[in-house]
Amino acid sequence: RLSCIRNNVWLACCGVISAGLAVLSSFGLMLFCGVPFVVTVANAPFLILGVGVDDMFIMIASWEQSSRKKEKSDVKSRLAETYAEAALSVTITTLTDVLAFFIGTWTAFPSVRSFCLYTGTAFVFCYLYTMTFFGAIIVLNHKSEQENRHWLTCMPVRVDEDQAEKSCLYNACCIGSCSRQSSQPESEHPMIIFFKKYYGPFFTNKWIKLLVVLLYGAYLGGSIYGCTQIKEGIDLRNLASDDSYVIPYYDDDDKYFSAYGPRVMVVITESVDYWNETVHLGIENCTQNLE
């Protein structure tokens, strides 16, 4: 927003901070419980940030809608209506995400198991912070708007007669407009109008609904078929570029040596004098015995 009062910069920043707190809380809890931290876990914050910002938008949209329904309602009523509208969708998406990642802990790969534990727990904390911390931030931001305070300095913004002599730049930074008029509540957002007047009626057409059902049926059938074909494992060829020298190595290894099974390796855990001839003979004897 161009308004210096209602542009919600700090509200957006606190939404990102909420996701960051969820990451810190989950990582701290998992490390305290002794869950190994692997390099794949470093990707978890990006997932949590996406979900946390999505929940933030849902909460803000519900808050804005409640303001249009009840212009003179108190903050408690508006916040209650916001949670009634937003909490259900946020809860459902969180449950599905948490369920998906906790199911992933059944895998045989320890690194994937750790990643799923860290990320699933982070989703839980993200939900808790959205329902508590971010809700409180919304109320504080609302009080700041009610008191007509500047978003950056938090100083009250007043339209005085003296401002008529101020420059346009000064008025734009201090009152949000070149004219000497304080910012007023905005009308419905164009995106809301689009979905209400065009997108919604388009998808309620019976032929469009039939087409959506058919497309979803095809998608569901393809997904079920894909699940029957999927195999757990990893092909090392996919970890290298197509022109890498290791690709022919893996091809030859699979062609000529796959029938022999995995390699057997012996590790000497003690510190020995490899230059000593007696040690050489001992290692050779050990190798012959294993053969």
Foldseek 3Di string as FASTA:
>chain_A
DLFQQPPCPVLLVVLQVLLVVLLVVLVVVCVVVPQDDDPVLVCLSVVSSVLSSVLSVLLVVQLVVLCVVCVPDDPVVSLVSSCVRRVVVNVVVLVVLLVVLCVQLPDPDSNSNSNSSSNSSSSVSSSVCSNPVSSVVVVVSVVLSVQCAGPPPSHHQDQDPVCVPPQQVVCCRRQVGSDSDHDDDDDDDPVVVCCVPPVVVVCVPPVNVVVVVVVVVVVVVVVVVVVVPDDDDDDVVVVDDPPDPCVVVSVCCCVPPVVVPDDDDDDDPDDDDPVDVVVVVVVVVVVVVVD
